[in-house]
Structure formats: C-alpha cells, structure tokens
Amino acid sequence: MTWTVKIHKRALKQIDRLPVRVREALVDLIRDIEADGPVRGNWPNYSRLRDNRHHCHIQKGRPTYVAIWEVTSKEIRLIEVIYAGTHEKASY
C-alpha cells in the first residue's frame, strides 16, 4: 500500500525558489516516500529527527539542500513535506 504525500503551503513557496536540479531530486524523493514509506536510508544524510519527523539531503555541496517531512497519520499513511531549502535555514 502506498503512502500519500502532501506538501505544506510554506514548503510549496520554498520549492518554487529551488534550482531545477534540486526540485527534480525532491520529486524523486517524494516518489520514493510514496512507494516505500518515510524511512529513507538510501538517501544521503538521512536521519530521524523526532518521533515522526525525518530529513535528508537532496543535494550536497554549497549550498546543501535538505527536505524535512513528518508522518501525520500512520493509520491512513499520510506524510507532509514541511521544509525544502538550504541546510542553513532548516528548522530542525
């Protein structure tokens, strides 16, 4: 069974400002999350931040871009992307 991924309103604005290659990597990440769930050990620098919050790097280098997502409901398999942008501005 697949997961449903929603993107927070604030994250949508952040995604619009991302470079094209980073946006494409984020789309790949979202597809992986939809297919296999929130735990993404196959992505660089993936880690679980809190109980239901996860993050990983979507592009290394300078600047480093990260994505943060949160499992909002395990019963209906719902995940929300809450941040997509540079590592320096991430709110861990």
C-alpha atoms as a PDB file:
ATOM      1  CA  MET A   1       0.000   0.000   0.000  1.00  0.00           C
ATOM      2  CA  THR A   2       1.359   3.403  -0.949  1.00  0.00           C
ATOM      3  CA  TRP A   3       1.749   6.490   1.197  1.00  0.00           C
ATOM      4  CA  THR A   4       0.106   9.837   0.459  1.00  0.00           C
ATOM      5  CA  VAL A   5       2.485  12.799   0.470  1.00  0.00           C
ATOM      6  CA  LYS A   6       1.152  16.320   0.913  1.00  0.00           C
ATOM      7  CA  ILE A   7       3.224  19.473   0.721  1.00  0.00           C
ATOM      8  CA  HIS A   8       2.727  22.178   3.320  1.00  0.00           C
ATOM      9  CA  LYS A   9       1.750  25.616   1.993  1.00  0.00           C
ATOM     10  CA  ARG A  10       5.019  27.177   3.199  1.00  0.00           C
ATOM     11  CA  ALA A  11       7.048  24.358   1.627  1.00  0.00           C
ATOM     12  CA  LEU A  12       5.341  24.979  -1.733  1.00  0.00           C
ATOM     13  CA  LYS A  13       6.702  28.519  -1.730  1.00  0.00           C
ATOM     14  CA  GLN A  14      10.154  27.233  -0.816  1.00  0.00           C
ATOM     15  CA  ILE A  15      10.058  24.653  -3.617  1.00  0.00           C
ATOM     16  CA  ASP A  16       9.251  27.363  -6.174  1.00  0.00           C
ATOM     17  CA  ARG A  17      12.555  29.074  -5.289  1.00  0.00           C
ATOM     18  CA  LEU A  18      14.699  25.928  -5.576  1.00  0.00           C
ATOM     19  CA  PRO A  19      17.019  25.363  -8.550  1.00  0.00           C
ATOM     20  CA  VAL A  20      15.615  22.988 -11.189  1.00  0.00           C
ATOM     21  CA  ARG A  21      18.012  20.108 -10.405  1.00  0.00           C
ATOM     22  CA  VAL A  22      17.167  20.291  -6.699  1.00  0.00           C
ATOM     23  CA  ARG A  23      13.445  20.347  -7.491  1.00  0.00           C
ATOM     24  CA  GLU A  24      13.870  17.235  -9.643  1.00  0.00           C
ATOM     25  CA  ALA A  25      15.719  15.483  -6.800  1.00  0.00           C
ATOM     26  CA  LEU A  26      12.897  16.436  -4.419  1.00  0.00           C
ATOM     27  CA  VAL A  27      10.341  14.914  -6.798  1.00  0.00           C
ATOM     28  CA  ASP A  28      12.404  11.700  -6.816  1.00  0.00           C
ATOM     29  CA  LEU A  29      12.465  11.731  -3.008  1.00  0.00           C
ATOM     30  CA  ILE A  30       8.700  12.220  -2.822  1.00  0.00           C
ATOM     31  CA  ARG A  31       8.174   9.309  -5.223  1.00  0.00           C
ATOM     32  CA  ASP A  32      10.399   7.111  -3.044  1.00  0.00           C
ATOM     33  CA  ILE A  33       8.450   8.142   0.066  1.00  0.00           C
ATOM     34  CA  GLU A  34       5.127   7.415  -1.645  1.00  0.00           C
ATOM     35  CA  ALA A  35       6.294   3.971  -2.716  1.00  0.00           C
ATOM     36  CA  ASP A  36       8.299   2.809   0.295  1.00  0.00           C
ATOM     37  CA  GLY A  37       7.355   4.990   3.264  1.00  0.00           C
ATOM     38  CA  PRO A  38       9.009   7.706   5.335  1.00  0.00           C
ATOM     39  CA  VAL A  39      12.218   5.893   6.356  1.00  0.00           C
ATOM     40  CA  ARG A  40      14.683   6.656   3.550  1.00  0.00           C
ATOM     41  CA  GLY A  41      18.015   5.100   4.461  1.00  0.00           C
ATOM     42  CA  ASN A  42      19.023   5.101   0.780  1.00  0.00           C
ATOM     43  CA  TRP A  43      19.207   8.925   0.635  1.00  0.00           C
ATOM     44  CA  PRO A  44      22.323  10.864   1.752  1.00  0.00           C
ATOM     45  CA  ASN A  45      22.467  12.017   5.360  1.00  0.00           C
ATOM     46  CA  TYR A  46      19.017  10.641   6.148  1.00  0.00           C
ATOM     47  CA  SER A  47      18.074  10.718   9.806  1.00  0.00           C
ATOM     48  CA  ARG A  48      15.031  10.589  12.028  1.00  0.00           C
ATOM     49  CA  LEU A  49      14.789  13.888  13.876  1.00  0.00           C
ATOM     50  CA  ARG A  50      11.973  13.195  16.341  1.00  0.00           C
ATOM     51  CA  ASP A  51       9.284  10.570  16.685  1.00  0.00           C
ATOM     52  CA  ASN A  52       7.572  11.287  13.378  1.00  0.00           C
ATOM     53  CA  ARG A  53       9.919  13.797  11.718  1.00  0.00           C
ATOM     54  CA  HIS A  54      12.618  12.862   9.169  1.00  0.00           C
ATOM     55  CA  HIS A  55      15.144  14.676   6.977  1.00  0.00           C
ATOM     56  CA  CYS A  56      17.758  14.049   4.289  1.00  0.00           C
ATOM     57  CA  HIS A  57      19.986  15.977   1.908  1.00  0.00           C
ATOM     58  CA  ILE A  58      18.565  16.339  -1.580  1.00  0.00           C
ATOM     59  CA  GLN A  59      21.751  17.945  -2.926  1.00  0.00           C
ATOM     60  CA  LYS A  60      25.205  18.118  -1.377  1.00  0.00           C
ATOM     61  CA  GLY A  61      27.662  20.944  -1.886  1.00  0.00           C
ATOM     62  CA  ARG A  62      27.364  24.640  -1.268  1.00  0.00           C
ATOM     63  CA  PRO A  63      24.665  25.338  -0.507  1.00  0.00           C
ATOM     64  CA  THR A  64      23.386  21.994   0.735  1.00  0.00           C
ATOM     65  CA  TYR A  65      19.657  21.495   0.199  1.00  0.00           C
ATOM     66  CA  VAL A  66      17.546  19.431   2.584  1.00  0.00           C
ATOM     67  CA  ALA A  67      13.984  18.217   2.851  1.00  0.00           C
ATOM     68  CA  ILE A  68      12.094  17.654   6.095  1.00  0.00           C
ATOM     69  CA  TRP A  69       8.921  15.598   6.271  1.00  0.00           C
ATOM     70  CA  GLU A  70       6.592  14.445   9.014  1.00  0.00           C
ATOM     71  CA  VAL A  71       4.327  11.422   9.354  1.00  0.00           C
ATOM     72  CA  THR A  72       0.971  12.917  10.237  1.00  0.00           C
ATOM     73  CA  SER A  73      -1.016   9.668  10.303  1.00  0.00           C
ATOM     74  CA  LYS A  74       0.277   6.104  10.278  1.00  0.00           C
ATOM     75  CA  GLU A  75      -3.235   4.673  10.001  1.00  0.00           C
ATOM     76  CA  ILE A  76      -4.044   6.330   6.681  1.00  0.00           C
ATOM     77  CA  ARG A  77      -0.365   6.545   5.637  1.00  0.00           C
ATOM     78  CA  LEU A  78      -0.159  10.327   5.335  1.00  0.00           C
ATOM     79  CA  ILE A  79       3.123  12.267   5.170  1.00  0.00           C
ATOM     80  CA  GLU A  80       3.595  16.033   4.894  1.00  0.00           C
ATOM     81  CA  VAL A  81       6.690  17.734   3.495  1.00  0.00           C
ATOM     82  CA  ILE A  82       7.208  20.709   5.801  1.00  0.00           C
ATOM     83  CA  TYR A  83      10.520  22.172   4.558  1.00  0.00           C
ATOM     84  CA  ALA A  84      12.588  22.157   1.382  1.00  0.00           C
ATOM     85  CA  GLY A  85      15.528  24.515   1.138  1.00  0.00           C
ATOM     86  CA  THR A  86      19.058  25.223   2.261  1.00  0.00           C
ATOM     87  CA  HIS A  87      20.606  23.479   5.207  1.00  0.00           C
ATOM     88  CA  GLU A  88      21.403  26.773   6.939  1.00  0.00           C
ATOM     89  CA  LYS A  89      17.745  27.826   7.157  1.00  0.00           C
ATOM     90  CA  ALA A  90      16.328  24.434   8.123  1.00  0.00           C
ATOM     91  CA  SER A  91      14.323  24.365  11.339  1.00  0.00           C
ATOM     92  CA  TYR A  92      15.317  21.074  12.873  1.00  0.00           C
END
